[in-house]
Amino acid sequence: ALSLLHPECEFYFQLEKEERLCQQYIAEQENRSTEGCRPLWDEVVCWPQAATGETVQRGCPAVFSLFINNTGSVSRNCTNRGWSKPFPAYHIACNVEDDIPETEQSYFATVRLIYTIGYSISLGVLAVAVFILLIFRYERDSKRQFWLPRNSSVDSIS
């Protein structure tokens, strides 16, 4: 499906949409049996209600298909202490890479170097400006003005 959103925005938009649907499902299941594991939104997948000892398997979330086509699945066990951790982990099961490509790392390093140099130059110029202002203040306080000669006609008038 063609989307007008930036891929990163689309990622968050889809996650929020799936969370709203899951929260609706959880609200609908609120009055059902309290035995076993209750429905759960784990920030990635919506897990349905399950009986103790049951293993629930869910496909990788659709939001991951924005990055790569995947057909993996993640499971959780419903234990007497609640849901187990997902296995295998999402980034393994759904083949999601969190590495930044080398070209992007190079780009970010260049941008960082440029703004560091810019801030350094700005700080240096600010220090020079403050130094000049302090010199003018010193000159004014000692009644010698930097821009007028010492024995000018202006001094003789006053």
Protein backbone atom coordinates (compact mmCIF):
# COMPACT_ATOMS: atom_id res chain seq x y z
CA ALA A 1 0.00 0.00 0.00
CA LEU A 2 1.27 3.44 -0.96
CA SER A 3 1.60 5.77 1.99
CA LEU A 4 2.14 9.51 2.09
CA LEU A 5 3.97 9.24 5.40
CA HIS A 6 7.72 9.09 5.85
CA PRO A 7 8.77 5.47 6.61
CA GLU A 8 9.73 6.31 10.20
CA CYS A 9 6.38 8.06 10.75
CA GLU A 10 4.59 5.14 9.10
CA PHE A 11 6.29 2.80 11.57
CA TYR A 12 4.98 4.75 14.59
CA PHE A 13 1.57 5.26 12.98
CA GLN A 14 1.13 1.52 12.41
CA LEU A 15 2.33 0.67 15.92
CA GLU A 16 -0.16 3.12 17.44
CA LYS A 17 -2.95 1.70 15.28
CA GLU A 18 -2.13 -1.87 16.36
CA GLU A 19 -1.95 -0.76 20.00
CA ARG A 20 -5.42 0.86 19.80
CA LEU A 21 -6.86 -2.33 18.32
CA CYS A 22 -5.20 -4.43 21.02
CA GLN A 23 -6.44 -2.14 23.80
CA GLN A 24 -9.98 -2.52 22.41
CA TYR A 25 -9.54 -6.30 22.42
CA ILE A 26 -8.23 -6.21 26.00
CA ALA A 27 -11.21 -4.09 27.09
CA GLU A 28 -13.62 -6.58 25.46
CA GLN A 29 -11.95 -9.50 27.27
CA GLU A 30 -11.99 -7.72 30.65
CA ASN A 31 -15.08 -9.56 32.01
CA ARG A 32 -14.05 -13.01 30.80
CA SER A 33 -12.44 -15.74 32.86
CA THR A 34 -9.46 -14.69 34.93
CA GLU A 35 -7.82 -18.12 34.74
CA GLY A 36 -4.63 -18.34 32.71
CA CYS A 37 -2.97 -15.36 31.11
CA ARG A 38 -4.86 -12.20 30.32
CA PRO A 39 -4.49 -10.45 26.95
CA LEU A 40 -1.34 -8.38 26.72
CA TRP A 41 0.09 -5.59 24.53
CA ASP A 42 3.89 -5.77 24.77
CA GLU A 43 4.61 -2.69 22.64
CA VAL A 44 5.02 -4.87 19.54
CA VAL A 45 2.40 -7.67 19.42
CA CYS A 46 -1.03 -8.21 20.90
CA TRP A 47 -1.17 -11.50 22.80
CA PRO A 48 -4.60 -13.10 23.29
CA GLN A 49 -5.94 -14.67 26.46
CA ALA A 50 -4.50 -18.15 27.00
CA ALA A 51 -4.85 -21.06 29.39
CA THR A 52 -2.02 -21.94 31.77
CA GLY A 53 0.44 -24.27 30.02
CA GLU A 54 -0.59 -23.08 26.54
CA THR A 55 2.00 -21.81 24.07
CA VAL A 56 0.78 -19.03 21.81
CA GLN A 57 2.50 -18.30 18.53
CA ARG A 58 2.10 -15.00 16.66
CA GLY A 59 3.48 -13.92 13.30
CA CYS A 60 5.87 -11.03 13.09
CA PRO A 61 4.04 -7.72 13.25
CA ALA A 62 3.04 -6.13 9.98
CA VAL A 63 4.99 -3.02 10.95
CA PHE A 64 8.26 -4.93 10.45
CA SER A 65 7.36 -5.51 6.81
CA LEU A 66 8.15 -1.83 6.24
CA PHE A 67 11.82 -2.74 6.50
CA ILE A 68 12.08 -6.28 5.17
CA ASN A 69 9.74 -9.02 4.01
CA ASN A 70 9.56 -11.51 6.85
CA THR A 71 7.56 -14.59 7.66
CA GLY A 72 8.94 -15.33 11.11
CA SER A 73 6.97 -15.95 14.25
CA VAL A 74 7.35 -15.39 17.98
CA SER A 75 5.96 -17.52 20.80
CA ARG A 76 5.14 -17.07 24.48
CA ASN A 77 4.21 -19.58 27.14
CA CYS A 78 1.37 -18.95 29.54
CA THR A 79 2.69 -20.03 32.94
CA ASN A 80 1.12 -19.89 36.39
CA ARG A 81 3.20 -16.70 36.90
CA GLY A 82 1.90 -15.07 33.69
CA TRP A 83 3.35 -14.70 30.23
CA SER A 84 6.93 -15.79 29.58
CA LYS A 85 9.34 -13.64 27.60
CA PRO A 86 8.90 -13.91 23.83
CA PHE A 87 11.04 -16.53 22.14
CA PRO A 88 12.94 -16.20 19.94
CA ALA A 89 13.46 -12.46 20.47
CA TYR A 90 11.67 -10.19 17.98
CA HIS A 91 14.82 -8.95 16.26
CA ILE A 92 15.93 -12.55 15.66
CA ALA A 93 12.61 -14.09 14.67
CA CYS A 94 11.55 -11.21 12.45
CA ASN A 95 14.99 -10.56 10.98
CA VAL A 96 15.05 -6.89 11.91
CA GLU A 97 18.47 -5.35 11.63
CA ASP A 98 19.23 -2.45 13.92
CA ASP A 99 22.63 -1.66 12.41
CA ILE A 100 23.12 1.71 10.73
CA PRO A 101 24.63 1.30 7.25
CA GLU A 102 28.23 2.46 6.87
CA THR A 103 27.28 5.23 4.42
CA GLU A 104 24.85 6.71 6.97
CA GLN A 105 27.46 6.44 9.75
CA SER A 106 29.89 8.35 7.53
CA TYR A 107 27.24 11.00 6.81
CA PHE A 108 26.41 11.44 10.51
CA ALA A 109 30.11 11.65 11.39
CA THR A 110 30.57 14.40 8.79
CA VAL A 111 27.55 16.34 10.06
CA ARG A 112 28.83 16.04 13.64
CA LEU A 113 32.28 17.29 12.59
CA ILE A 114 30.75 20.27 10.75
CA TYR A 115 28.55 21.39 13.63
CA THR A 116 31.39 20.89 16.14
CA ILE A 117 33.65 23.12 14.05
CA GLY A 118 30.81 25.65 13.69
CA TYR A 119 30.17 25.77 17.43
CA SER A 120 33.91 26.07 18.12
CA ILE A 121 34.28 29.01 15.71
CA SER A 122 31.20 30.66 17.19
CA LEU A 123 32.56 30.28 20.73
CA GLY A 124 35.95 31.67 19.65
CA VAL A 125 34.37 34.72 17.99
CA LEU A 126 32.21 35.30 21.07
CA ALA A 127 35.30 35.20 23.31
CA VAL A 128 37.12 37.72 21.06
CA ALA A 129 34.05 40.02 21.09
CA VAL A 130 33.84 39.93 24.88
CA PHE A 131 37.59 40.63 25.10
CA ILE A 132 37.23 43.68 22.79
CA LEU A 133 34.28 44.97 24.81
CA LEU A 134 36.32 44.64 28.00
CA ILE A 135 39.20 46.59 26.43
CA PHE A 136 36.83 49.43 25.42
CA ARG A 137 35.40 49.48 28.92
CA TYR A 138 38.91 49.72 30.38
CA GLU A 139 39.76 52.52 27.95
CA ARG A 140 36.59 54.44 28.87
CA ASP A 141 37.17 53.99 32.59
CA SER A 142 40.67 55.44 32.37
CA LYS A 143 39.26 58.46 30.42
CA ARG A 144 41.26 57.60 27.33
CA GLN A 145 39.12 57.03 24.31
CA PHE A 146 40.36 54.60 21.74
CA TRP A 147 39.03 56.46 18.69
CA LEU A 148 40.22 60.00 19.57
CA PRO A 149 43.81 61.20 19.71
CA ARG A 150 45.01 62.10 23.21
CA ASN A 151 45.57 65.84 22.67
CA SER A 152 42.80 66.70 20.27
CA SER A 153 40.91 69.95 19.94
CA VAL A 154 37.89 68.32 21.58
CA ASP A 155 39.83 68.02 24.86
CA SER A 156 40.82 71.70 24.78
CA ILE A 157 37.20 72.89 24.45
CA SER A 158 36.06 71.31 27.69
